[in-house]
């Protein structure tokens, strides 16, 4: 339920950016009203909000590390470094 509460909070925070009277704002307001029916009051306490932010930051850090490793591998391959396993039968004694 905390994730659902966090999603609701994000949507609520985005509403002023769109303007409640605009067409996208009206659609967002409708979603907020529908979603709020399923999120019990008190779901997003300050501690729950902090936990959600920490979990998101941790996931983001892991994703950044993976992306950096992929980019480094691509650069190495683009420079002719290959880095793959030797092909069968290549460079072996006969």
Protein backbone atom coordinates (compact mmCIF):
# COMPACT_ATOMS: atom_id res chain seq x y z
CA UNK A 1 0.00 0.00 0.00
CA UNK A 2 2.94 2.34 0.57
CA UNK A 3 3.81 2.28 -3.13
CA UNK A 4 0.23 3.07 -4.01
CA UNK A 5 0.27 5.90 -1.48
CA UNK A 6 3.53 7.19 -2.96
CA UNK A 7 2.02 7.11 -6.44
CA UNK A 8 -0.98 9.04 -5.19
CA UNK A 9 1.31 11.60 -3.57
CA UNK A 10 3.28 12.01 -6.82
CA UNK A 11 0.10 12.53 -8.80
CA UNK A 12 -1.15 15.05 -6.26
CA UNK A 13 2.18 16.91 -6.44
CA UNK A 14 1.96 17.03 -10.25
CA UNK A 15 -1.55 18.49 -10.34
CA UNK A 16 -0.52 22.12 -9.74
CA UNK A 17 2.02 21.83 -12.56
CA UNK A 18 -0.72 20.92 -15.02
CA UNK A 19 -3.41 23.15 -13.60
CA UNK A 20 -6.61 21.54 -12.34
CA UNK A 21 -8.70 23.31 -14.98
CA UNK A 22 -6.69 22.04 -17.99
CA UNK A 23 -7.71 18.88 -19.82
CA UNK A 24 -4.70 16.87 -18.58
CA UNK A 25 -5.27 18.31 -15.10
CA UNK A 26 -8.92 17.20 -15.16
CA UNK A 27 -7.86 13.68 -16.18
CA UNK A 28 -5.23 13.63 -13.42
CA UNK A 29 -7.76 14.86 -10.86
CA UNK A 30 -10.11 12.06 -11.89
CA UNK A 31 -7.32 9.49 -11.43
CA UNK A 32 -6.46 10.93 -8.02
CA UNK A 33 -10.08 10.67 -6.87
CA UNK A 34 -10.34 7.06 -8.06
CA UNK A 35 -7.00 6.01 -6.57
CA UNK A 36 -7.66 7.74 -3.24
CA UNK A 37 -10.54 5.31 -2.61
CA UNK A 38 -8.02 2.45 -2.29
CA UNK A 39 -5.39 4.19 -0.16
CA UNK A 40 -6.29 4.21 3.53
CA UNK A 41 -5.65 7.44 5.45
CA UNK A 42 -2.23 7.49 7.10
CA UNK A 43 -0.64 5.19 4.52
CA UNK A 44 2.00 7.78 3.71
CA UNK A 45 3.39 8.75 7.08
CA UNK A 46 6.66 10.70 7.11
CA UNK A 47 8.50 7.47 7.97
CA UNK A 48 6.81 5.58 5.13
CA UNK A 49 7.62 8.42 2.76
CA UNK A 50 11.28 8.39 3.84
CA UNK A 51 11.44 4.59 3.41
CA UNK A 52 9.99 4.87 -0.08
CA UNK A 53 12.47 7.61 -1.03
CA UNK A 54 15.40 5.58 0.31
CA UNK A 55 14.30 2.47 -1.59
CA UNK A 56 13.94 4.49 -4.79
CA UNK A 57 17.37 6.07 -4.31
CA UNK A 58 18.94 2.65 -3.72
CA UNK A 59 17.36 1.23 -6.89
CA UNK A 60 18.48 4.28 -8.83
CA UNK A 61 22.05 3.82 -7.60
CA UNK A 62 22.05 0.17 -8.65
CA UNK A 63 20.66 1.07 -12.06
CA UNK A 64 23.34 3.76 -12.48
CA UNK A 65 26.10 1.24 -11.70
CA UNK A 66 24.69 -1.22 -14.23
CA UNK A 67 24.39 1.47 -16.90
CA UNK A 68 27.97 2.62 -16.29
CA UNK A 69 29.22 -0.95 -16.67
CA UNK A 70 27.28 -1.39 -19.92
CA UNK A 71 28.59 1.91 -21.29
CA UNK A 72 32.17 1.00 -20.39
CA UNK A 73 31.77 -2.37 -22.12
CA UNK A 74 30.35 -0.71 -25.24
CA UNK A 75 33.21 1.78 -25.34
CA UNK A 76 35.73 -1.01 -24.98
CA UNK A 77 34.09 -2.96 -27.80
CA UNK A 78 33.92 0.14 -30.01
CA UNK A 79 37.65 0.66 -29.51
CA UNK A 80 38.34 -2.90 -30.65
CA UNK A 81 38.93 -4.27 -27.17
CA UNK A 82 36.42 -7.05 -27.67
CA UNK A 83 36.79 -8.56 -24.26
CA UNK A 84 34.79 -11.62 -25.23
CA UNK A 85 35.78 -15.25 -24.84
CA UNK A 86 38.16 -16.72 -27.44
CA UNK A 87 36.50 -18.40 -30.38
CA UNK A 88 36.74 -22.20 -30.51
CA UNK A 89 39.56 -23.37 -32.77
CA UNK A 90 41.19 -19.94 -32.95
CA UNK A 91 44.82 -19.69 -31.91
CA UNK A 92 45.08 -23.28 -30.76
CA UNK A 93 47.90 -25.70 -31.52
CA UNK A 94 47.27 -28.21 -34.31
